[in-house]
N, C-alpha and C. Protein backbone atom coordinates (compact mmCIF):
# COMPACT_ATOMS: atom_id res chain seq x y z
N MET A 1 -15.42 -8.36 12.70
CA MET A 1 -13.95 -7.45 12.83
C MET A 1 -12.79 -8.26 12.19
N THR A 2 -12.12 -8.02 11.40
CA THR A 2 -10.91 -8.52 11.08
C THR A 2 -10.00 -8.58 12.59
N ASP A 3 -8.77 -8.90 12.69
CA ASP A 3 -8.27 -8.58 13.85
C ASP A 3 -7.06 -7.98 13.40
N ILE A 4 -6.07 -6.97 14.17
CA ILE A 4 -5.50 -5.95 13.73
C ILE A 4 -4.28 -6.19 14.73
N VAL A 5 -3.08 -6.52 13.66
CA VAL A 5 -2.10 -6.45 14.40
C VAL A 5 -1.26 -5.37 14.44
N PHE A 6 -0.67 -5.29 15.35
CA PHE A 6 0.35 -3.72 15.32
C PHE A 6 2.07 -4.25 15.74
N SER A 7 2.63 -3.05 14.95
CA SER A 7 4.12 -3.28 15.64
C SER A 7 4.68 -2.15 15.99
N GLY A 8 5.37 -1.53 16.67
CA GLY A 8 5.49 0.02 17.02
C GLY A 8 5.12 0.15 18.21
N LEU A 9 5.43 1.48 18.76
CA LEU A 9 5.01 1.74 19.77
C LEU A 9 3.46 2.73 19.50
N LYS A 10 2.87 2.18 20.90
CA LYS A 10 1.44 3.01 20.70
C LYS A 10 1.62 4.49 20.37
N SER A 11 2.85 4.85 20.98
CA SER A 11 3.08 6.55 21.27
C SER A 11 3.40 7.35 20.13
N ALA A 12 3.92 6.31 19.07
CA ALA A 12 4.39 6.68 17.68
C ALA A 12 3.49 8.04 17.34
N PRO A 13 4.42 9.10 16.54
CA PRO A 13 3.20 10.20 15.83
C PRO A 13 2.02 9.55 14.89
N LEU A 14 2.55 8.76 14.21
CA LEU A 14 1.47 8.25 13.04
C LEU A 14 1.20 6.67 13.14
N THR A 15 0.28 6.30 12.56
CA THR A 15 0.30 4.60 12.76
C THR A 15 -0.07 4.44 11.12
N VAL A 16 0.31 3.46 10.61
CA VAL A 16 0.58 3.42 8.93
C VAL A 16 0.02 1.84 8.97
N ALA A 17 -1.30 2.32 8.23
CA ALA A 17 -2.14 0.85 8.29
C ALA A 17 -2.06 -0.14 6.90
N LEU A 18 -1.32 -1.15 6.63
CA LEU A 18 -0.93 -1.89 5.42
C LEU A 18 -1.90 -2.90 5.29
N ALA A 19 -2.55 -3.29 4.32
CA ALA A 19 -3.14 -4.51 3.82
C ALA A 19 -2.41 -4.77 2.47
N HIS A 20 -2.62 -6.28 2.74
CA HIS A 20 -1.77 -7.15 1.95
C HIS A 20 -2.15 -7.33 0.85
N GLY A 21 -1.38 -7.73 -0.61
CA GLY A 21 -1.83 -7.99 -1.73
C GLY A 21 -2.62 -9.01 -2.02
N ALA A 22 -2.97 -9.48 -2.94
CA ALA A 22 -4.05 -10.34 -3.51
C ALA A 22 -3.73 -11.80 -3.01
N GLY A 23 -2.36 -12.58 -3.37
CA GLY A 23 -1.85 -13.42 -3.06
C GLY A 23 -1.40 -14.14 -2.03
N ALA A 24 -1.08 -12.67 -0.90
CA ALA A 24 -0.21 -13.30 0.05
C ALA A 24 -0.62 -12.96 1.27
N PRO A 25 -0.34 -13.38 2.63
CA PRO A 25 -1.20 -12.77 3.80
C PRO A 25 -0.60 -11.58 4.30
N MET A 26 -0.98 -11.12 5.73
CA MET A 26 -0.43 -9.90 6.11
C MET A 26 1.16 -10.17 6.87
N ASP A 27 1.42 -11.66 6.77
CA ASP A 27 2.53 -11.99 7.83
C ASP A 27 3.79 -12.54 6.37
N SER A 28 3.69 -11.97 5.09
CA SER A 28 4.47 -12.90 4.37
C SER A 28 5.65 -11.86 4.84
N PRO A 29 6.92 -12.55 3.98
CA PRO A 29 7.84 -11.87 4.40
C PRO A 29 7.88 -10.44 3.86
N TYR A 30 7.34 -9.95 2.63
CA TYR A 30 7.49 -8.59 2.69
C TYR A 30 6.74 -7.74 3.62
N MET A 31 5.43 -8.56 3.84
CA MET A 31 4.61 -7.87 4.81
C MET A 31 5.23 -7.82 6.44
N ASP A 32 6.13 -8.77 6.62
CA ASP A 32 6.84 -8.18 8.04
C ASP A 32 8.21 -7.50 8.17
N ALA A 33 8.70 -7.39 6.86
CA ALA A 33 9.71 -6.53 6.65
C ALA A 33 9.19 -4.91 6.35
N PHE A 34 8.22 -4.54 6.26
CA PHE A 34 7.81 -3.65 5.91
C PHE A 34 7.16 -3.04 7.26
N ALA A 35 6.64 -3.89 8.31
CA ALA A 35 5.66 -3.87 9.57
C ALA A 35 7.15 -3.50 9.81
N GLU A 36 8.08 -4.45 10.27
CA GLU A 36 9.29 -4.47 11.30
C GLU A 36 9.71 -2.63 10.76
N GLY A 37 10.33 -2.51 9.62
CA GLY A 37 11.19 -1.45 9.17
C GLY A 37 10.37 0.09 9.27
N LEU A 38 9.07 -0.01 9.44
CA LEU A 38 8.40 1.11 9.78
C LEU A 38 8.66 1.38 11.33
N ALA A 39 8.15 0.58 12.15
CA ALA A 39 8.37 0.42 13.34
C ALA A 39 10.10 0.82 13.88
N ALA A 40 10.95 0.20 13.34
CA ALA A 40 12.19 0.57 13.55
C ALA A 40 12.67 2.08 13.35
N ARG A 41 11.46 2.69 12.31
CA ARG A 41 11.69 4.22 11.79
C ARG A 41 10.82 5.14 12.85
N GLY A 42 10.31 4.48 13.85
CA GLY A 42 9.50 5.40 14.63
C GLY A 42 8.25 5.50 14.11
N LEU A 43 7.64 4.87 13.47
CA LEU A 43 6.06 4.54 13.40
C LEU A 43 5.47 3.41 13.81
N ARG A 44 4.38 3.45 13.98
CA ARG A 44 3.30 2.27 14.18
C ARG A 44 2.82 1.58 13.10
N CYS A 45 2.78 0.56 12.79
CA CYS A 45 2.07 -0.24 11.58
C CYS A 45 1.15 -0.92 12.09
N ALA A 46 -0.11 -0.78 11.57
CA ALA A 46 -1.06 -1.86 11.73
C ALA A 46 -1.41 -2.90 10.66
N ARG A 47 -1.62 -3.91 10.87
CA ARG A 47 -1.67 -4.96 9.24
C ARG A 47 -3.19 -5.92 10.04
N PHE A 48 -3.70 -6.51 8.71
CA PHE A 48 -4.98 -7.19 8.97
C PHE A 48 -4.77 -8.08 7.80
N GLU A 49 -6.10 -8.39 7.78
CA GLU A 49 -6.31 -9.60 6.63
C GLU A 49 -7.51 -9.18 6.08
N PHE A 50 -8.19 -9.36 4.72
CA PHE A 50 -9.20 -9.10 4.02
C PHE A 50 -10.00 -10.57 4.48
N PRO A 51 -11.23 -10.56 4.04
CA PRO A 51 -11.85 -11.93 4.76
C PRO A 51 -11.63 -13.10 3.87
N TYR A 52 -11.39 -13.27 2.64
CA TYR A 52 -10.79 -14.07 2.07
C TYR A 52 -9.99 -14.90 2.54
N MET A 53 -8.57 -14.23 2.54
CA MET A 53 -7.62 -14.46 3.47
C MET A 53 -7.43 -14.72 4.66
N ALA A 54 -8.18 -14.22 5.47
CA ALA A 54 -8.56 -14.51 6.72
C ALA A 54 -9.27 -16.14 6.95
N GLN A 55 -9.84 -16.30 5.63
CA GLN A 55 -10.61 -18.04 5.64
C GLN A 55 -9.74 -18.86 5.18
N ARG A 56 -8.80 -18.32 4.14
CA ARG A 56 -7.94 -19.08 3.88
C ARG A 56 -6.67 -19.69 4.77
N ARG A 57 -6.14 -18.81 5.97
CA ARG A 57 -5.46 -19.29 7.30
C ARG A 57 -6.47 -20.04 8.03
N ASP A 58 -7.65 -20.07 7.96
CA ASP A 58 -8.53 -20.93 8.76
C ASP A 58 -8.32 -22.81 8.10
N ASP A 59 -8.54 -22.46 6.94
CA ASP A 59 -8.57 -24.19 6.17
C ASP A 59 -7.73 -24.27 5.51
N GLY A 60 -6.94 -23.55 4.61
CA GLY A 60 -5.86 -23.90 4.07
C GLY A 60 -6.28 -23.61 2.33
N LYS A 61 -7.20 -23.10 2.14
CA LYS A 61 -7.55 -23.26 0.70
C LYS A 61 -7.33 -21.86 0.16
N LYS A 62 -7.09 -22.03 -1.08
CA LYS A 62 -6.70 -20.64 -1.77
C LYS A 62 -7.97 -20.19 -2.14
N ARG A 63 -8.40 -18.90 -2.32
CA ARG A 63 -9.58 -18.16 -3.12
C ARG A 63 -9.16 -17.02 -3.80
N PRO A 64 -9.85 -16.54 -4.50
CA PRO A 64 -9.88 -15.14 -5.01
C PRO A 64 -10.11 -14.12 -4.10
N PRO A 65 -9.66 -13.01 -4.28
CA PRO A 65 -10.15 -11.94 -3.21
C PRO A 65 -11.47 -11.53 -3.29
N ASN A 66 -12.19 -11.15 -2.14
CA ASN A 66 -13.34 -10.85 -2.19
C ASN A 66 -13.74 -9.82 -3.36
N PRO A 67 -15.07 -9.28 -3.44
CA PRO A 67 -15.55 -8.37 -4.24
C PRO A 67 -14.96 -7.18 -4.21
N ALA A 68 -14.82 -6.11 -4.79
CA ALA A 68 -14.16 -4.92 -4.19
C ALA A 68 -14.96 -4.20 -3.34
N ARG A 69 -16.39 -4.43 -3.37
CA ARG A 69 -17.38 -3.72 -1.87
C ARG A 69 -17.14 -4.52 -0.73
N VAL A 70 -16.43 -5.76 -0.70
CA VAL A 70 -16.22 -6.42 0.66
C VAL A 70 -14.80 -5.79 0.93
N LEU A 71 -13.61 -5.74 -0.02
CA LEU A 71 -12.32 -5.12 0.37
C LEU A 71 -12.69 -3.88 1.17
N LEU A 72 -14.04 -2.82 0.67
CA LEU A 72 -13.36 -1.46 0.96
C LEU A 72 -14.21 -1.52 2.20
N ALA A 73 -15.29 -2.37 2.46
CA ALA A 73 -15.92 -2.27 3.84
C ALA A 73 -14.94 -2.71 4.46
N THR A 74 -13.92 -3.74 4.35
CA THR A 74 -13.28 -4.02 5.25
C THR A 74 -12.33 -2.87 5.86
N TRP A 75 -11.59 -2.38 4.55
CA TRP A 75 -10.87 -0.89 4.66
C TRP A 75 -11.60 -0.26 5.97
N ARG A 76 -12.64 -0.10 5.91
CA ARG A 76 -13.41 1.18 6.55
C ARG A 76 -13.78 0.74 8.12
N ALA A 77 -13.72 -0.36 8.08
CA ALA A 77 -13.74 -1.06 9.30
C ALA A 77 -12.73 -0.90 10.15
N VAL A 78 -11.49 -1.08 9.38
CA VAL A 78 -10.22 -1.19 9.98
C VAL A 78 -10.03 0.30 10.77
N ILE A 79 -10.21 1.20 9.38
CA ILE A 79 -9.90 2.95 9.89
C ILE A 79 -10.88 2.97 11.23
N ASP A 80 -12.21 2.51 11.05
CA ASP A 80 -13.05 3.03 12.50
C ASP A 80 -12.24 2.39 14.01
N GLU A 81 -11.87 1.19 13.76
CA GLU A 81 -11.20 0.76 14.42
C GLU A 81 -9.84 1.34 15.11
N ILE A 82 -9.18 2.02 14.23
CA ILE A 82 -7.81 2.57 14.64
C ILE A 82 -8.22 4.02 14.98
N GLY A 83 -9.06 4.39 14.26
CA GLY A 83 -9.44 6.31 14.50
C GLY A 83 -8.46 6.82 13.35
N ARG A 84 -9.01 7.69 12.88
CA ARG A 84 -8.39 8.47 11.63
C ARG A 84 -7.33 9.49 12.19
N ASP A 85 -7.60 9.80 13.00
CA ASP A 85 -6.28 10.60 13.75
C ASP A 85 -5.36 10.16 13.28
N ASN A 86 -4.46 10.58 12.58
CA ASN A 86 -2.99 10.50 12.67
C ASN A 86 -2.79 9.10 11.97
N LEU A 87 -3.60 8.89 11.04
CA LEU A 87 -3.89 7.70 10.36
C LEU A 87 -2.93 7.68 8.87
N VAL A 88 -2.32 6.55 8.26
CA VAL A 88 -2.28 7.03 6.90
C VAL A 88 -2.58 5.43 6.50
N ILE A 89 -3.01 5.18 5.47
CA ILE A 89 -3.30 3.80 5.16
C ILE A 89 -2.93 3.42 3.85
N GLY A 90 -2.73 2.16 3.34
CA GLY A 90 -1.97 1.73 2.29
C GLY A 90 -1.96 0.53 2.62
N GLY A 91 -0.93 -0.48 1.42
CA GLY A 91 -0.55 -1.70 1.52
C GLY A 91 0.41 -1.86 -0.15
N LYS A 92 0.28 -3.28 -0.12
CA LYS A 92 0.89 -3.97 -1.45
C LYS A 92 0.09 -4.23 -2.40
N SER A 93 0.16 -3.55 -3.63
CA SER A 93 -0.60 -3.92 -4.75
C SER A 93 -1.84 -3.34 -4.25
N MET A 94 -2.80 -4.86 -4.65
CA MET A 94 -4.50 -4.42 -4.30
C MET A 94 -4.63 -3.86 -3.08
N GLY A 95 -4.04 -4.27 -1.92
CA GLY A 95 -4.20 -3.55 -0.54
C GLY A 95 -3.99 -2.43 -0.78
N GLY A 96 -3.20 -1.52 -1.42
CA GLY A 96 -2.78 -0.35 -1.67
C GLY A 96 -3.71 0.45 -2.40
N ARG A 97 -4.26 -0.13 -3.38
CA ARG A 97 -5.12 0.37 -4.33
C ARG A 97 -6.62 0.49 -3.71
N MET A 98 -7.09 -0.46 -2.69
CA MET A 98 -8.20 -0.43 -2.26
C MET A 98 -7.98 0.85 -1.37
N ALA A 99 -6.87 1.15 -0.50
CA ALA A 99 -6.76 1.99 0.71
C ALA A 99 -6.90 3.50 -0.01
N SER A 100 -6.38 3.48 -1.49
CA SER A 100 -6.58 4.91 -2.17
C SER A 100 -7.70 5.26 -2.62
N MET A 101 -8.83 3.80 -2.95
CA MET A 101 -10.16 4.13 -3.04
C MET A 101 -10.94 4.67 -2.31
N VAL A 102 -10.68 4.27 -0.86
CA VAL A 102 -11.14 4.65 0.35
C VAL A 102 -11.10 6.21 0.61
N ALA A 103 -9.72 6.37 0.70
CA ALA A 103 -9.27 7.60 0.88
C ALA A 103 -9.84 8.51 0.06
N ALA A 104 -9.91 8.53 -1.15
CA ALA A 104 -11.25 9.18 -2.33
C ALA A 104 -12.36 9.18 -1.78
N ASP A 105 -12.78 8.30 -1.31
CA ASP A 105 -14.45 8.38 -0.74
C ASP A 105 -14.36 8.87 0.53
N LEU A 106 -13.29 8.84 1.40
CA LEU A 106 -13.49 9.69 2.95
C LEU A 106 -13.52 11.14 2.58
N GLU A 107 -12.15 11.33 1.37
CA GLU A 107 -12.39 12.90 1.12
C GLU A 107 -13.65 13.68 0.89
N SER A 108 -14.59 12.92 -0.22
CA SER A 108 -15.74 13.58 -0.18
C SER A 108 -16.53 13.32 0.65
N GLU A 109 -16.71 12.31 1.92
CA GLU A 109 -17.35 12.41 3.05
C GLU A 109 -17.03 13.58 3.82
N GLY A 110 -15.71 14.11 3.77
CA GLY A 110 -15.28 15.11 4.48
C GLY A 110 -14.69 14.73 6.03
N THR A 111 -14.30 13.57 5.89
CA THR A 111 -13.47 12.48 6.78
C THR A 111 -12.28 12.19 6.54
N PRO A 112 -11.30 12.43 6.02
CA PRO A 112 -10.18 12.30 5.14
C PRO A 112 -9.22 11.80 6.30
N VAL A 113 -8.23 10.53 5.70
CA VAL A 113 -7.43 10.34 6.43
C VAL A 113 -5.94 11.13 6.21
N ARG A 114 -5.11 11.18 6.79
CA ARG A 114 -3.94 12.10 7.01
C ARG A 114 -2.86 11.79 5.58
N GLY A 115 -2.97 10.36 5.13
CA GLY A 115 -2.16 9.92 3.75
C GLY A 115 -2.28 8.55 3.56
N VAL A 116 -1.36 8.33 2.48
CA VAL A 116 -1.77 7.35 1.69
C VAL A 116 -0.41 6.66 1.33
N VAL A 117 -0.27 5.37 1.47
CA VAL A 117 1.18 4.84 1.07
C VAL A 117 0.83 3.35 -0.11
N CYS A 118 1.14 3.49 -0.95
CA CYS A 118 1.23 2.47 -1.95
C CYS A 118 2.61 1.75 -2.10
N LEU A 119 2.80 0.68 -1.95
CA LEU A 119 3.61 -0.37 -2.51
C LEU A 119 3.49 -1.26 -3.59
N GLY A 120 3.93 -0.65 -4.80
CA GLY A 120 3.57 -1.17 -6.12
C GLY A 120 2.18 -1.46 -6.63
N TYR A 121 1.96 0.10 -6.89
CA TYR A 121 0.65 -0.02 -7.63
C TYR A 121 0.20 -0.92 -8.44
N PRO A 122 -0.84 -1.29 -8.70
CA PRO A 122 -1.67 -1.72 -9.59
C PRO A 122 -2.45 -1.04 -10.83
N PHE A 123 -1.23 -0.20 -11.54
CA PHE A 123 -1.70 0.67 -12.41
C PHE A 123 -2.73 0.08 -13.50
N HIS A 124 -2.25 -1.24 -14.15
CA HIS A 124 -2.80 -1.77 -15.16
C HIS A 124 -2.81 -3.25 -14.98
N PRO A 125 -3.32 -4.22 -15.39
CA PRO A 125 -2.82 -5.91 -15.16
C PRO A 125 -1.72 -6.02 -16.45
N PRO A 126 -1.02 -6.78 -15.77
CA PRO A 126 0.19 -6.93 -16.72
C PRO A 126 -0.34 -7.26 -17.99
N GLY A 127 0.35 -6.82 -18.92
CA GLY A 127 0.11 -6.60 -20.27
C GLY A 127 -0.97 -6.21 -21.08
N LYS A 128 -1.59 -5.46 -20.10
CA LYS A 128 -3.04 -4.73 -20.74
C LYS A 128 -2.89 -3.26 -20.11
N PRO A 129 -2.23 -2.69 -20.96
CA PRO A 129 -1.62 -0.97 -20.56
C PRO A 129 -2.93 -0.17 -20.64
N ASP A 130 -3.81 -0.65 -21.44
CA ASP A 130 -5.30 -0.07 -22.06
C ASP A 130 -6.22 0.04 -20.79
N LYS A 131 -5.96 -0.93 -20.09
CA LYS A 131 -7.33 -1.19 -18.79
C LYS A 131 -6.49 -0.24 -17.46
N LEU A 132 -6.85 1.07 -17.48
CA LEU A 132 -5.99 1.70 -16.17
C LEU A 132 -6.96 1.30 -15.25
N ARG A 133 -6.18 1.47 -14.11
CA ARG A 133 -7.02 1.92 -12.56
C ARG A 133 -6.76 3.12 -12.13
N THR A 134 -6.95 4.06 -12.93
CA THR A 134 -6.38 5.37 -12.28
C THR A 134 -7.79 6.45 -12.14
N GLU A 135 -8.54 5.98 -12.49
CA GLU A 135 -9.41 7.48 -12.53
C GLU A 135 -9.72 7.87 -10.95
N HIS A 136 -9.72 7.42 -10.12
CA HIS A 136 -10.03 8.22 -8.64
C HIS A 136 -8.14 8.98 -8.58
N LEU A 137 -7.40 8.17 -8.84
CA LEU A 137 -5.91 9.21 -8.52
C LEU A 137 -5.69 10.35 -9.54
N GLU A 138 -6.67 10.78 -10.27
CA GLU A 138 -6.61 11.89 -11.15
C GLU A 138 -7.35 12.97 -10.08
N THR A 139 -8.19 12.74 -9.44
CA THR A 139 -8.89 13.94 -8.34
C THR A 139 -8.56 14.17 -7.04
N LEU A 140 -7.54 12.84 -6.73
CA LEU A 140 -7.35 12.44 -4.77
C LEU A 140 -6.72 13.71 -4.13
N LYS A 141 -6.90 14.30 -3.62
CA LYS A 141 -6.49 15.53 -2.47
C LYS A 141 -5.88 15.03 -1.69
N THR A 142 -5.72 13.59 -1.06
CA THR A 142 -5.22 13.03 0.07
C THR A 142 -3.83 12.72 -0.59
N LYS A 143 -2.63 13.61 0.19
CA LYS A 143 -1.44 13.28 0.10
C LYS A 143 -0.78 11.75 0.15
N THR A 144 -0.24 11.72 -0.95
CA THR A 144 -0.08 10.09 -1.68
C THR A 144 1.23 9.79 -1.72
N LEU A 145 1.92 8.66 -1.32
CA LEU A 145 3.30 8.54 -1.72
C LEU A 145 2.92 7.01 -2.40
N ILE A 146 3.77 6.85 -3.94
CA ILE A 146 3.69 5.44 -4.25
C ILE A 146 4.93 5.18 -4.35
N CYS A 147 5.27 4.06 -4.11
CA CYS A 147 6.80 3.57 -3.96
C CYS A 147 6.45 2.45 -5.24
N GLN A 148 7.33 2.69 -6.48
CA GLN A 148 7.00 1.65 -7.62
C GLN A 148 8.29 1.38 -8.03
N GLY A 149 8.36 -0.17 -8.48
CA GLY A 149 9.87 -0.48 -9.13
C GLY A 149 9.75 -0.57 -10.42
N THR A 150 11.36 0.03 -10.97
CA THR A 150 10.78 0.83 -12.11
C THR A 150 10.81 -0.27 -13.66
N ARG A 151 10.40 -1.87 -13.11
CA ARG A 151 9.96 -2.44 -14.15
C ARG A 151 9.01 -3.27 -13.66
N ASP A 152 8.26 -2.68 -12.99
CA ASP A 152 6.81 -2.95 -12.44
C ASP A 152 6.17 -3.72 -13.63
N PRO A 153 5.71 -4.67 -14.07
CA PRO A 153 4.79 -4.67 -15.24
C PRO A 153 3.23 -4.48 -14.97
N PHE A 154 3.14 -3.88 -13.38
CA PHE A 154 1.77 -3.35 -13.15
C PHE A 154 1.55 -1.98 -13.92
N GLY A 155 2.98 -1.31 -14.29
CA GLY A 155 3.32 -0.18 -14.38
C GLY A 155 4.65 0.70 -13.86
N THR A 156 5.34 0.72 -15.46
CA THR A 156 6.84 0.67 -15.56
C THR A 156 7.18 2.40 -15.39
N GLU A 157 8.27 2.52 -15.17
CA GLU A 157 8.62 3.93 -15.06
C GLU A 157 8.27 4.67 -16.25
N ALA A 158 8.54 3.97 -17.30
CA ALA A 158 8.40 4.49 -18.60
C ALA A 158 6.67 4.89 -19.13
N GLU A 159 5.83 4.22 -18.51
CA GLU A 159 4.73 4.29 -18.38
C GLU A 159 3.81 5.37 -17.68
N VAL A 160 3.92 5.03 -16.41
CA VAL A 160 3.36 5.84 -15.27
C VAL A 160 3.52 7.56 -15.67
N PRO A 161 4.64 8.14 -15.64
CA PRO A 161 4.58 9.38 -15.82
C PRO A 161 3.81 10.14 -17.06
N GLU A 162 3.14 8.84 -17.79
CA GLU A 162 2.33 9.71 -18.71
C GLU A 162 0.61 9.37 -18.39
N TYR A 163 0.34 9.21 -17.19
CA TYR A 163 -0.61 9.30 -16.51
C TYR A 163 -1.19 10.69 -15.61
N PRO A 164 -2.50 11.02 -15.96
CA PRO A 164 -2.80 12.46 -15.97
C PRO A 164 -3.15 12.03 -13.96
N LEU A 165 -2.09 11.70 -13.18
CA LEU A 165 -2.34 11.56 -11.71
C LEU A 165 -2.33 13.25 -11.26
N SER A 166 -3.03 13.18 -9.70
CA SER A 166 -3.14 14.34 -9.16
C SER A 166 -1.86 14.75 -8.62
N LYS A 167 -1.74 16.13 -8.29
CA LYS A 167 -0.44 16.59 -7.90
C LYS A 167 -0.17 16.40 -6.42
N ALA A 168 -1.01 15.67 -5.46
CA ALA A 168 -1.03 15.12 -4.51
C ALA A 168 -0.35 13.63 -4.50
N ILE A 169 0.00 13.23 -5.50
CA ILE A 169 0.49 12.11 -5.74
C ILE A 169 1.69 12.27 -5.65
N ARG A 170 2.94 11.47 -5.25
CA ARG A 170 4.48 11.27 -5.39
C ARG A 170 4.93 10.13 -5.68
N LEU A 171 5.42 9.99 -6.78
CA LEU A 171 5.98 8.32 -7.12
C LEU A 171 7.57 8.62 -6.64
N MET A 172 7.95 7.51 -6.33
CA MET A 172 9.31 6.96 -5.70
C MET A 172 9.69 5.72 -6.53
N TRP A 173 10.64 5.99 -7.23
CA TRP A 173 11.05 4.76 -8.08
C TRP A 173 12.04 4.14 -7.69
N LEU A 174 11.92 2.33 -7.47
CA LEU A 174 12.87 1.46 -6.75
C LEU A 174 13.28 1.09 -7.88
N ALA A 175 15.00 1.25 -7.88
CA ALA A 175 15.76 0.87 -9.33
C ALA A 175 15.71 -0.44 -9.62
N ASP A 176 15.31 -0.74 -10.83
CA ASP A 176 15.23 -2.17 -11.45
C ASP A 176 14.52 -2.96 -11.06
N GLY A 177 13.29 -2.73 -9.97
CA GLY A 177 12.84 -3.68 -8.96
C GLY A 177 11.49 -4.04 -9.95
N ASP A 178 10.97 -5.32 -9.29
CA ASP A 178 9.74 -5.80 -9.96
C ASP A 178 8.57 -5.62 -9.16
N HIS A 179 7.62 -6.31 -9.28
CA HIS A 179 6.13 -5.60 -8.67
C HIS A 179 6.52 -5.69 -6.92
N GLY A 180 7.41 -6.45 -6.69
CA GLY A 180 7.96 -6.62 -4.86
C GLY A 180 9.10 -5.64 -4.90
N PHE A 181 9.80 -5.22 -5.79
CA PHE A 181 10.85 -4.12 -5.80
C PHE A 181 12.01 -5.07 -6.03
N LYS A 182 12.05 -6.36 -6.38
CA LYS A 182 13.12 -6.98 -6.70
C LYS A 182 13.91 -6.95 -7.86
N PRO A 183 15.44 -6.33 -7.63
CA PRO A 183 15.63 -6.02 -8.89
C PRO A 183 16.87 -7.07 -9.25
N ARG A 184 17.02 -6.93 -10.69
CA ARG A 184 18.08 -8.31 -11.22
C ARG A 184 19.29 -8.21 -10.60
N LYS A 185 19.62 -9.21 -10.46
CA LYS A 185 21.24 -9.67 -9.85
C LYS A 185 22.17 -8.68 -10.86
N ALA A 186 21.99 -8.54 -12.00
CA ALA A 186 22.89 -7.51 -13.02
C ALA A 186 22.98 -5.98 -12.81
N SER A 187 21.72 -6.10 -11.99
CA SER A 187 21.71 -4.53 -11.75
C SER A 187 22.50 -4.19 -10.56
N GLY A 188 23.29 -4.76 -9.86
CA GLY A 188 24.00 -4.86 -8.51
C GLY A 188 23.41 -4.21 -7.55
N ARG A 189 22.13 -4.37 -7.64
CA ARG A 189 21.37 -3.94 -6.14
C ARG A 189 21.00 -4.98 -5.55
N THR A 190 20.13 -5.00 -4.42
CA THR A 190 19.81 -5.99 -3.70
C THR A 190 18.29 -5.68 -3.23
N GLU A 191 17.33 -6.50 -3.31
CA GLU A 191 15.78 -6.72 -2.59
C GLU A 191 15.68 -5.63 -1.45
N GLN A 192 16.82 -6.01 -0.65
CA GLN A 192 16.80 -5.22 0.65
C GLN A 192 17.26 -3.96 0.60
N GLN A 193 18.14 -3.09 -0.31
CA GLN A 193 18.39 -2.34 -0.49
C GLN A 193 16.84 -1.20 -1.43
N ASN A 194 16.15 -1.88 -1.95
CA ASN A 194 15.12 -1.77 -2.33
C ASN A 194 14.49 -1.12 -1.54
N TRP A 195 13.82 -2.53 -0.41
CA TRP A 195 13.31 -2.23 0.05
C TRP A 195 13.43 -1.04 1.47
N ASP A 196 14.81 -0.95 1.83
CA ASP A 196 15.15 -0.07 2.80
C ASP A 196 14.70 1.25 2.32
N ALA A 197 15.00 1.54 0.94
CA ALA A 197 14.69 2.77 0.40
C ALA A 197 13.57 3.09 0.35
N ALA A 198 12.32 2.39 -0.04
CA ALA A 198 10.96 2.37 0.64
C ALA A 198 10.59 3.14 1.42
N LEU A 199 11.26 2.18 2.38
CA LEU A 199 10.89 2.32 4.07
C LEU A 199 11.28 3.72 4.51
N ASP A 200 12.88 4.36 3.13
CA ASP A 200 12.80 5.70 4.17
C ASP A 200 12.56 6.66 3.03
N ALA A 201 11.60 6.09 2.11
CA ALA A 201 10.96 7.31 1.52
C ALA A 201 9.41 7.79 2.42
N ILE A 202 9.12 6.16 3.12
CA ILE A 202 8.00 6.41 3.54
C ILE A 202 7.97 7.06 5.08
N GLN A 203 9.14 7.17 5.67
CA GLN A 203 9.56 7.55 6.87
C GLN A 203 9.50 8.98 6.37
N ALA A 204 10.32 9.54 5.20
CA ALA A 204 10.09 11.33 5.53
C ALA A 204 8.97 11.79 4.87
N PHE A 205 8.08 10.85 3.96
CA PHE A 205 6.91 11.40 3.57
C PHE A 205 5.71 11.54 4.78
N CYS A 206 5.72 10.73 5.77
CA CYS A 206 4.97 10.75 7.12
C CYS A 206 5.56 11.96 7.81
N ALA A 207 6.72 12.35 7.73
CA ALA A 207 7.25 12.92 8.65
C ALA A 207 6.73 14.69 8.14
N LYS A 208 6.47 14.62 6.63
CA LYS A 208 5.90 16.07 6.42
C LYS A 208 4.06 15.99 6.09
N LEU A 209 3.79 15.31 7.10
CA LEU A 209 2.68 15.05 6.96
C LEU A 209 1.73 15.90 8.17
């Protein structure tokens, strides 16, 4: 079982479990900012690493992500460890996508989680808008928040509204943000402003679950 790191009070009304993206660990500046930001907003955050990333931490060697079945099994183990009561699952890019897939599976099994939060959902590979990763999102019933940069190459503000997504999914757009929500200097916004906007949206989303 992978180690789970918590931020925030155990007595918080909800725990938000966040998985990292494909290329950075659970304690990247991005993941740290979101864990600390959620804790500051009265939520508890749980973080963990998929096996390939945990192995990289041990020996320093970069590896590609584990097969989807391993990623999904790791998510299930984390959910079992934390408990489904008052649990929201999600994460950065790949981590959020896997969380949404697990949420869909748990729905079909009659043991849903409270909600899903995706930070930069990889709707399609960059430059390949025909290779959509949205099939399970079309019928998802679990309330879901997707925070997305307006110019994210994995799904832009011009593209995503055309997808047949479930009505349970709410999209929150970060102005001029890339895949990590970073805007261009010319936009007049800062990365921190977009991170804070996303965190405020997550807080508001969780308050209504």
